[in-house]
């Protein structure tokens, strides 16, 4: 099981939102890593833009 989805990128390089695919660059579009606890499995972290997090 992959712990970070999508895999983290080096500082300064954009990454894509897992929910909608929007490019998160930290300036125009900000994102957050959402922690997901799984029973009998490692915790995973999913990157979502703020508009996806606020809509859920």
N, C-alpha and C. Protein backbone atom coordinates (compact mmCIF):
# COMPACT_ATOMS: atom_id res chain seq x y z
N UNK A 1 0.84 -1.17 0.00
CA UNK A 1 0.00 0.00 0.00
C UNK A 1 0.89 1.23 0.00
N UNK A 2 0.59 2.16 -0.88
CA UNK A 2 1.35 3.39 -0.99
C UNK A 2 0.93 4.35 0.12
N UNK A 3 1.88 4.86 0.91
CA UNK A 3 1.53 5.69 2.06
C UNK A 3 1.10 7.09 1.65
N UNK A 4 1.73 7.68 0.64
CA UNK A 4 1.37 9.01 0.16
C UNK A 4 0.80 8.91 -1.24
N UNK A 5 -0.40 9.48 -1.44
CA UNK A 5 -1.03 9.46 -2.76
C UNK A 5 -1.43 10.87 -3.13
N UNK A 6 -0.98 11.45 -4.20
CA UNK A 6 0.12 11.00 -5.05
C UNK A 6 1.46 11.14 -4.32
N UNK A 7 2.51 10.52 -4.85
CA UNK A 7 3.81 10.62 -4.19
C UNK A 7 4.27 12.08 -4.07
N UNK A 8 4.87 12.46 -2.95
CA UNK A 8 5.33 13.84 -2.78
C UNK A 8 6.39 14.21 -3.82
N UNK A 9 6.41 15.49 -4.17
CA UNK A 9 7.40 16.01 -5.11
C UNK A 9 8.39 16.88 -4.35
N UNK A 10 9.55 17.15 -4.93
CA UNK A 10 10.53 18.03 -4.28
C UNK A 10 9.95 19.45 -4.11
N UNK A 11 10.46 20.22 -3.16
CA UNK A 11 9.97 21.59 -2.96
C UNK A 11 10.06 22.41 -4.25
N UNK A 12 9.01 23.18 -4.51
CA UNK A 12 8.99 24.02 -5.70
C UNK A 12 8.37 23.37 -6.92
N UNK A 13 8.12 22.07 -6.88
CA UNK A 13 7.49 21.39 -8.01
C UNK A 13 6.03 21.11 -7.68
N UNK A 14 5.11 21.43 -8.60
CA UNK A 14 3.69 21.22 -8.34
C UNK A 14 3.32 19.74 -8.29
N UNK A 15 2.18 19.47 -7.66
CA UNK A 15 1.65 18.12 -7.58
C UNK A 15 0.16 18.20 -7.91
N UNK A 16 -0.48 17.09 -8.19
CA UNK A 16 -1.89 17.09 -8.58
C UNK A 16 -2.79 16.67 -7.43
N UNK A 17 -3.97 17.28 -7.37
CA UNK A 17 -4.98 16.93 -6.38
C UNK A 17 -5.49 15.52 -6.68
N UNK A 18 -5.62 14.71 -5.65
CA UNK A 18 -6.09 13.34 -5.83
C UNK A 18 -7.57 13.31 -6.22
N UNK A 19 -8.36 14.28 -5.75
CA UNK A 19 -9.79 14.29 -6.02
C UNK A 19 -10.17 14.77 -7.40
N UNK A 20 -9.62 15.93 -7.82
CA UNK A 20 -10.06 16.54 -9.08
C UNK A 20 -8.96 16.67 -10.12
N UNK A 21 -7.70 16.45 -9.74
CA UNK A 21 -6.60 16.52 -10.70
C UNK A 21 -6.03 17.92 -10.90
N UNK A 22 -6.52 18.91 -10.15
CA UNK A 22 -6.01 20.28 -10.26
C UNK A 22 -4.56 20.33 -9.81
N UNK A 23 -3.75 21.10 -10.53
CA UNK A 23 -2.34 21.23 -10.17
C UNK A 23 -2.20 22.12 -8.93
N UNK A 24 -1.58 21.61 -7.88
CA UNK A 24 -1.36 22.34 -6.64
C UNK A 24 0.08 22.83 -6.64
N UNK A 25 0.23 24.17 -6.66
CA UNK A 25 1.58 24.73 -6.69
C UNK A 25 1.95 25.47 -5.41
N UNK A 26 0.99 25.66 -4.51
CA UNK A 26 1.27 26.33 -3.24
C UNK A 26 1.08 27.83 -3.29
N UNK A 27 1.00 28.41 -4.49
CA UNK A 27 0.79 29.85 -4.62
C UNK A 27 -0.63 30.14 -5.08
N UNK A 28 -0.95 29.80 -6.33
CA UNK A 28 -2.29 30.04 -6.87
C UNK A 28 -3.30 29.06 -6.27
N UNK A 29 -2.90 27.81 -6.14
CA UNK A 29 -3.77 26.77 -5.58
C UNK A 29 -3.03 26.11 -4.43
N UNK A 30 -3.66 26.09 -3.26
CA UNK A 30 -3.06 25.47 -2.08
C UNK A 30 -3.71 24.12 -1.82
N UNK A 31 -2.98 23.24 -1.16
CA UNK A 31 -3.50 21.91 -0.86
C UNK A 31 -3.14 21.48 0.55
N UNK A 32 -3.78 20.40 0.99
CA UNK A 32 -3.51 19.83 2.31
C UNK A 32 -3.40 18.32 2.18
N UNK A 33 -2.58 17.73 3.04
CA UNK A 33 -2.48 16.27 3.11
C UNK A 33 -3.53 15.79 4.11
N UNK A 34 -4.47 14.98 3.67
CA UNK A 34 -5.53 14.45 4.51
C UNK A 34 -5.10 13.08 5.02
N UNK A 35 -5.11 12.91 6.34
CA UNK A 35 -4.70 11.65 6.96
C UNK A 35 -5.87 10.68 6.98
N UNK A 36 -5.65 9.46 6.49
CA UNK A 36 -6.67 8.41 6.49
C UNK A 36 -6.19 7.25 7.35
N UNK A 37 -6.94 6.94 8.40
CA UNK A 37 -6.63 5.80 9.25
C UNK A 37 -7.33 4.56 8.71
N UNK A 38 -6.60 3.46 8.64
CA UNK A 38 -7.15 2.19 8.15
C UNK A 38 -7.00 1.14 9.25
N UNK A 39 -8.04 0.39 9.46
CA UNK A 39 -7.99 -0.66 10.45
C UNK A 39 -7.06 -1.76 9.95
N UNK A 40 -6.08 -2.14 10.73
CA UNK A 40 -5.09 -3.17 10.43
C UNK A 40 -4.29 -2.88 9.16
N UNK A 41 -4.03 -1.62 8.90
CA UNK A 41 -3.19 -1.22 7.76
C UNK A 41 -2.52 0.11 8.12
N UNK A 42 -1.43 0.42 7.45
CA UNK A 42 -0.75 1.69 7.75
C UNK A 42 -1.64 2.90 7.41
N UNK A 43 -1.41 3.99 8.11
CA UNK A 43 -2.09 5.23 7.82
C UNK A 43 -1.62 5.76 6.47
N UNK A 44 -2.54 6.30 5.67
CA UNK A 44 -2.17 6.88 4.38
C UNK A 44 -2.48 8.37 4.39
N UNK A 45 -1.85 9.10 3.48
CA UNK A 45 -2.01 10.54 3.35
C UNK A 45 -2.36 10.85 1.91
N UNK A 46 -3.45 11.62 1.71
CA UNK A 46 -3.91 11.95 0.37
C UNK A 46 -3.87 13.46 0.19
N UNK A 47 -3.33 13.92 -0.94
CA UNK A 47 -3.22 15.34 -1.23
C UNK A 47 -4.48 15.82 -1.93
N UNK A 48 -5.13 16.84 -1.34
CA UNK A 48 -6.34 17.42 -1.92
C UNK A 48 -6.21 18.93 -1.95
N UNK A 49 -6.79 19.57 -2.98
CA UNK A 49 -6.83 21.03 -3.02
C UNK A 49 -7.89 21.51 -2.02
N UNK A 50 -7.83 22.77 -1.65
CA UNK A 50 -8.74 23.29 -0.64
C UNK A 50 -10.19 23.27 -1.09
N UNK A 51 -10.46 23.40 -2.38
CA UNK A 51 -11.84 23.35 -2.85
C UNK A 51 -12.42 21.94 -2.72
N UNK A 52 -11.62 20.90 -2.89
CA UNK A 52 -12.10 19.53 -2.70
C UNK A 52 -12.34 19.24 -1.23
N UNK A 53 -11.47 19.74 -0.35
CA UNK A 53 -11.62 19.50 1.08
C UNK A 53 -12.87 20.20 1.61
N UNK A 54 -13.12 21.42 1.14
CA UNK A 54 -14.28 22.17 1.64
C UNK A 54 -15.59 21.62 1.11
N UNK A 55 -15.57 20.93 -0.03
CA UNK A 55 -16.81 20.37 -0.60
C UNK A 55 -17.20 19.04 0.03
N UNK A 56 -16.29 18.44 0.80
CA UNK A 56 -16.60 17.13 1.40
C UNK A 56 -17.07 17.25 2.81
